[in-house]
Amino acid sequence: MMYTLSTLRRREVLTVPHNYKLENKWEDSPAQVARREARNKVRALALKRGTVHKGDQKELDHVGFHRTGSLDNVPTKVVSIHANRIRQPPRHRGKQ
């Protein structure tokens, strides 16, 4: 297969190596643990209410721009996984 320059650039951007030690450190931080617990709690309440179902390929979108801080009392809406992920800000795209 012949690679063009633009194809190689796209591959470079997509293959940024992970720093798993740093990622695990962030995931285990008290702030991130609290946010994960809050997301799981809201999902469990939505399951109980019947607005989402296990395996339905839906996520709960916390309406608004909540990148930091508490997720308590933040309104949510049910959206597809694609719709929720595409509106997220870009992360770690590497040097361009």
N, C-alpha and C. Protein backbone atom coordinates (compact mmCIF):
# COMPACT_ATOMS: atom_id res chain seq x y z
N MET A 1 0.84 -1.17 0.00
CA MET A 1 0.00 0.00 0.00
C MET A 1 0.88 1.24 0.00
N MET A 2 0.53 2.19 -0.82
CA MET A 2 1.29 3.42 -0.94
C MET A 2 0.71 4.47 0.00
N TYR A 3 1.54 5.06 0.85
CA TYR A 3 1.08 6.09 1.77
C TYR A 3 1.43 7.46 1.24
N THR A 4 0.46 8.34 1.23
CA THR A 4 0.72 9.72 0.85
C THR A 4 1.15 10.49 2.09
N LEU A 5 1.66 11.68 1.88
CA LEU A 5 2.11 12.50 3.00
C LEU A 5 0.96 12.83 3.94
N SER A 6 -0.22 13.13 3.39
CA SER A 6 -1.35 13.46 4.24
C SER A 6 -1.80 12.25 5.06
N THR A 7 -1.72 11.05 4.48
CA THR A 7 -2.08 9.83 5.21
C THR A 7 -1.11 9.61 6.36
N LEU A 8 0.18 9.83 6.12
CA LEU A 8 1.17 9.65 7.17
C LEU A 8 0.96 10.67 8.29
N ARG A 9 0.62 11.90 7.95
CA ARG A 9 0.37 12.90 8.99
C ARG A 9 -0.82 12.51 9.84
N ARG A 10 -1.88 12.00 9.20
CA ARG A 10 -3.05 11.57 9.97
C ARG A 10 -2.68 10.43 10.89
N ARG A 11 -1.86 9.50 10.41
CA ARG A 11 -1.45 8.37 11.25
C ARG A 11 -0.62 8.84 12.43
N GLU A 12 0.25 9.83 12.23
CA GLU A 12 1.06 10.36 13.32
C GLU A 12 0.17 10.97 14.40
N VAL A 13 -0.85 11.70 14.00
CA VAL A 13 -1.74 12.35 14.94
C VAL A 13 -2.52 11.30 15.73
N LEU A 14 -2.92 10.23 15.07
CA LEU A 14 -3.76 9.22 15.71
C LEU A 14 -2.96 8.26 16.59
N THR A 15 -1.64 8.23 16.43
CA THR A 15 -0.85 7.24 17.15
C THR A 15 0.07 7.90 18.18
N VAL A 16 -0.47 8.83 18.95
CA VAL A 16 0.29 9.43 20.05
C VAL A 16 0.37 8.39 21.16
N PRO A 17 1.59 8.08 21.63
CA PRO A 17 1.70 7.03 22.66
C PRO A 17 1.05 7.47 23.96
N HIS A 18 0.41 6.53 24.63
CA HIS A 18 -0.24 6.80 25.92
C HIS A 18 0.79 6.80 27.03
N ASN A 19 0.57 7.63 28.01
CA ASN A 19 1.35 7.62 29.24
C ASN A 19 0.42 7.02 30.31
N TYR A 20 0.41 5.70 30.39
CA TYR A 20 -0.55 5.01 31.25
C TYR A 20 -0.34 5.33 32.72
N LYS A 21 0.89 5.52 33.14
CA LYS A 21 1.16 5.84 34.54
C LYS A 21 0.50 7.17 34.92
N LEU A 22 0.63 8.16 34.04
CA LEU A 22 0.02 9.47 34.29
C LEU A 22 -1.51 9.38 34.22
N GLU A 23 -2.04 8.60 33.25
CA GLU A 23 -3.49 8.44 33.14
C GLU A 23 -4.07 7.75 34.38
N ASN A 24 -3.40 6.72 34.87
CA ASN A 24 -3.87 6.02 36.07
C ASN A 24 -3.81 6.92 37.29
N LYS A 25 -2.78 7.74 37.36
CA LYS A 25 -2.67 8.67 38.48
C LYS A 25 -3.85 9.64 38.49
N TRP A 26 -4.24 10.12 37.30
CA TRP A 26 -5.38 11.04 37.20
C TRP A 26 -6.68 10.32 37.55
N GLU A 27 -6.87 9.10 37.04
CA GLU A 27 -8.10 8.37 37.30
C GLU A 27 -8.28 8.04 38.77
N ASP A 28 -7.17 7.92 39.50
CA ASP A 28 -7.24 7.58 40.93
C ASP A 28 -7.29 8.81 41.83
N SER A 29 -7.22 10.00 41.26
CA SER A 29 -7.24 11.21 42.09
C SER A 29 -8.62 11.36 42.72
N PRO A 30 -8.69 11.91 43.93
CA PRO A 30 -9.98 12.04 44.63
C PRO A 30 -11.02 12.83 43.83
N ALA A 31 -10.59 13.86 43.13
CA ALA A 31 -11.54 14.67 42.36
C ALA A 31 -12.16 13.84 41.23
N GLN A 32 -11.33 13.06 40.53
CA GLN A 32 -11.84 12.26 39.42
C GLN A 32 -12.70 11.11 39.92
N VAL A 33 -12.35 10.53 41.05
CA VAL A 33 -13.15 9.45 41.64
C VAL A 33 -14.54 9.97 41.99
N ALA A 34 -14.59 11.17 42.58
CA ALA A 34 -15.88 11.77 42.95
C ALA A 34 -16.74 12.04 41.72
N ARG A 35 -16.12 12.54 40.63
CA ARG A 35 -16.87 12.80 39.40
C ARG A 35 -17.38 11.49 38.78
N ARG A 36 -16.56 10.44 38.80
CA ARG A 36 -16.99 9.14 38.27
C ARG A 36 -18.16 8.58 39.08
N GLU A 37 -18.08 8.72 40.41
CA GLU A 37 -19.17 8.26 41.27
C GLU A 37 -20.46 9.03 40.96
N ALA A 38 -20.34 10.33 40.72
CA ALA A 38 -21.51 11.15 40.41
C ALA A 38 -22.13 10.72 39.08
N ARG A 39 -21.29 10.44 38.08
CA ARG A 39 -21.81 9.98 36.78
C ARG A 39 -22.51 8.64 36.92
N ASN A 40 -21.91 7.72 37.69
CA ASN A 40 -22.51 6.40 37.88
C ASN A 40 -23.83 6.51 38.65
N LYS A 41 -23.88 7.42 39.62
CA LYS A 41 -25.09 7.61 40.42
C LYS A 41 -26.25 8.11 39.54
N VAL A 42 -25.97 9.06 38.66
CA VAL A 42 -27.00 9.60 37.76
C VAL A 42 -27.46 8.52 36.78
N ARG A 43 -26.54 7.72 36.28
CA ARG A 43 -26.89 6.63 35.36
C ARG A 43 -27.79 5.62 36.08
N ALA A 44 -27.46 5.29 37.33
CA ALA A 44 -28.27 4.34 38.10
C ALA A 44 -29.68 4.89 38.32
N LEU A 45 -29.79 6.17 38.62
CA LEU A 45 -31.12 6.78 38.79
C LEU A 45 -31.92 6.74 37.49
N ALA A 46 -31.25 6.99 36.36
CA ALA A 46 -31.94 6.95 35.06
C ALA A 46 -32.39 5.52 34.74
N LEU A 47 -31.57 4.53 35.11
CA LEU A 47 -31.97 3.13 34.92
C LEU A 47 -33.21 2.82 35.76
N LYS A 48 -33.21 3.30 36.99
CA LYS A 48 -34.33 3.06 37.89
C LYS A 48 -35.62 3.71 37.37
N ARG A 49 -35.49 4.93 36.83
CA ARG A 49 -36.64 5.65 36.27
C ARG A 49 -37.11 5.05 34.95
N GLY A 50 -36.21 4.33 34.26
CA GLY A 50 -36.57 3.73 32.98
C GLY A 50 -36.28 4.61 31.77
N THR A 51 -35.53 5.69 31.96
CA THR A 51 -35.21 6.56 30.82
C THR A 51 -34.08 6.01 29.97
N VAL A 52 -33.24 5.17 30.56
CA VAL A 52 -32.20 4.45 29.81
C VAL A 52 -32.29 2.98 30.19
N HIS A 53 -31.69 2.14 29.36
CA HIS A 53 -31.69 0.70 29.60
C HIS A 53 -30.30 0.16 29.36
N LYS A 54 -29.95 -0.91 30.04
CA LYS A 54 -28.64 -1.52 29.89
C LYS A 54 -28.44 -1.95 28.43
N GLY A 55 -27.33 -1.54 27.84
CA GLY A 55 -27.00 -1.92 26.48
C GLY A 55 -27.74 -1.15 25.40
N ASP A 56 -28.34 -0.02 25.75
CA ASP A 56 -29.13 0.73 24.77
C ASP A 56 -28.31 1.70 23.92
N GLN A 57 -26.98 1.72 24.11
CA GLN A 57 -26.08 2.59 23.36
C GLN A 57 -26.40 4.07 23.59
N LYS A 58 -26.87 4.41 24.77
CA LYS A 58 -27.18 5.80 25.12
C LYS A 58 -26.33 6.23 26.30
N GLU A 59 -26.11 7.53 26.40
CA GLU A 59 -25.39 8.10 27.52
C GLU A 59 -26.19 9.26 28.08
N LEU A 60 -25.89 9.62 29.31
CA LEU A 60 -26.50 10.80 29.91
C LEU A 60 -25.55 11.97 29.71
N ASP A 61 -26.03 13.00 29.06
CA ASP A 61 -25.25 14.20 28.80
C ASP A 61 -25.55 15.20 29.90
N HIS A 62 -24.52 15.62 30.62
CA HIS A 62 -24.69 16.67 31.61
C HIS A 62 -24.76 17.99 30.85
N VAL A 63 -25.94 18.58 30.81
CA VAL A 63 -26.20 19.75 29.99
C VAL A 63 -25.37 20.93 30.49
N GLY A 64 -24.69 21.58 29.57
CA GLY A 64 -23.83 22.70 29.92
C GLY A 64 -22.38 22.29 29.79
N PHE A 65 -21.51 23.18 30.20
CA PHE A 65 -20.07 22.96 30.06
C PHE A 65 -19.49 22.70 31.44
N HIS A 66 -19.38 21.42 31.82
CA HIS A 66 -18.95 21.04 33.16
C HIS A 66 -17.68 20.21 33.09
N ARG A 67 -16.56 20.87 32.83
CA ARG A 67 -15.29 20.16 32.72
C ARG A 67 -14.64 19.96 34.09
N THR A 68 -14.98 20.81 35.04
CA THR A 68 -14.41 20.68 36.38
C THR A 68 -15.52 20.89 37.40
N GLY A 69 -15.23 20.55 38.63
CA GLY A 69 -16.19 20.79 39.70
C GLY A 69 -17.20 19.67 39.87
N SER A 70 -18.20 19.95 40.67
CA SER A 70 -19.21 18.97 41.03
C SER A 70 -20.25 18.79 39.93
N LEU A 71 -20.76 17.58 39.81
CA LEU A 71 -21.84 17.29 38.86
C LEU A 71 -23.18 17.17 39.57
N ASP A 72 -23.22 17.51 40.86
CA ASP A 72 -24.47 17.45 41.61
C ASP A 72 -25.45 18.50 41.09
N ASN A 73 -26.69 18.12 40.98
CA ASN A 73 -27.78 19.02 40.56
C ASN A 73 -27.56 19.62 39.17
N VAL A 74 -26.85 18.91 38.31
CA VAL A 74 -26.67 19.35 36.92
C VAL A 74 -27.71 18.62 36.09
N PRO A 75 -28.51 19.33 35.31
CA PRO A 75 -29.52 18.64 34.49
C PRO A 75 -28.87 17.74 33.44
N THR A 76 -29.54 16.63 33.14
CA THR A 76 -29.02 15.68 32.17
C THR A 76 -30.07 15.41 31.10
N LYS A 77 -29.60 14.90 29.95
CA LYS A 77 -30.51 14.45 28.91
C LYS A 77 -29.93 13.18 28.30
N VAL A 78 -30.78 12.33 27.77
CA VAL A 78 -30.35 11.07 27.17
C VAL A 78 -30.00 11.34 25.71
N VAL A 79 -28.76 10.99 25.32
CA VAL A 79 -28.31 11.17 23.94
C VAL A 79 -27.55 9.92 23.51
N SER A 80 -27.34 9.79 22.21
CA SER A 80 -26.56 8.66 21.72
C SER A 80 -25.09 8.85 22.10
N ILE A 81 -24.35 7.75 22.11
CA ILE A 81 -22.93 7.83 22.45
C ILE A 81 -22.23 8.76 21.47
N HIS A 82 -22.54 8.63 20.19
CA HIS A 82 -21.89 9.45 19.17
C HIS A 82 -22.17 10.94 19.40
N ALA A 83 -23.42 11.28 19.68
CA ALA A 83 -23.78 12.68 19.88
C ALA A 83 -23.06 13.27 21.09
N ASN A 84 -22.90 12.47 22.15
CA ASN A 84 -22.25 12.96 23.36
C ASN A 84 -20.74 13.11 23.15
N ARG A 85 -20.12 12.17 22.45
CA ARG A 85 -18.67 12.21 22.26
C ARG A 85 -18.24 13.27 21.26
N ILE A 86 -19.06 13.52 20.24
CA ILE A 86 -18.65 14.45 19.20
C ILE A 86 -18.65 15.89 19.69
N ARG A 87 -19.42 16.18 20.72
CA ARG A 87 -19.44 17.54 21.24
C ARG A 87 -18.41 17.79 22.33
N GLN A 88 -17.59 16.78 22.63
CA GLN A 88 -16.54 16.94 23.62
C GLN A 88 -15.38 17.72 23.02
N PRO A 89 -14.65 18.47 23.83
CA PRO A 89 -13.49 19.19 23.30
C PRO A 89 -12.39 18.21 22.92
N PRO A 90 -11.57 18.55 21.92
CA PRO A 90 -10.49 17.64 21.51
C PRO A 90 -9.46 17.48 22.62
N ARG A 91 -8.89 16.27 22.71
CA ARG A 91 -7.90 15.98 23.74
C ARG A 91 -6.68 15.31 23.12
N HIS A 92 -5.52 15.69 23.58
CA HIS A 92 -4.25 15.00 23.28
C HIS A 92 -4.13 14.62 21.79
N ARG A 93 -4.19 15.56 20.93
CA ARG A 93 -4.05 15.25 19.51
C ARG A 93 -2.60 15.24 19.05
N GLY A 94 -1.69 15.52 19.93
CA GLY A 94 -0.28 15.50 19.56
C GLY A 94 0.12 16.81 18.91
N LYS A 95 1.39 16.87 18.53
CA LYS A 95 1.89 18.08 17.90
C LYS A 95 1.49 18.11 16.45
N GLN A 96 0.95 19.23 16.01
CA GLN A 96 0.50 19.35 14.62
C GLN A 96 1.28 20.40 13.90
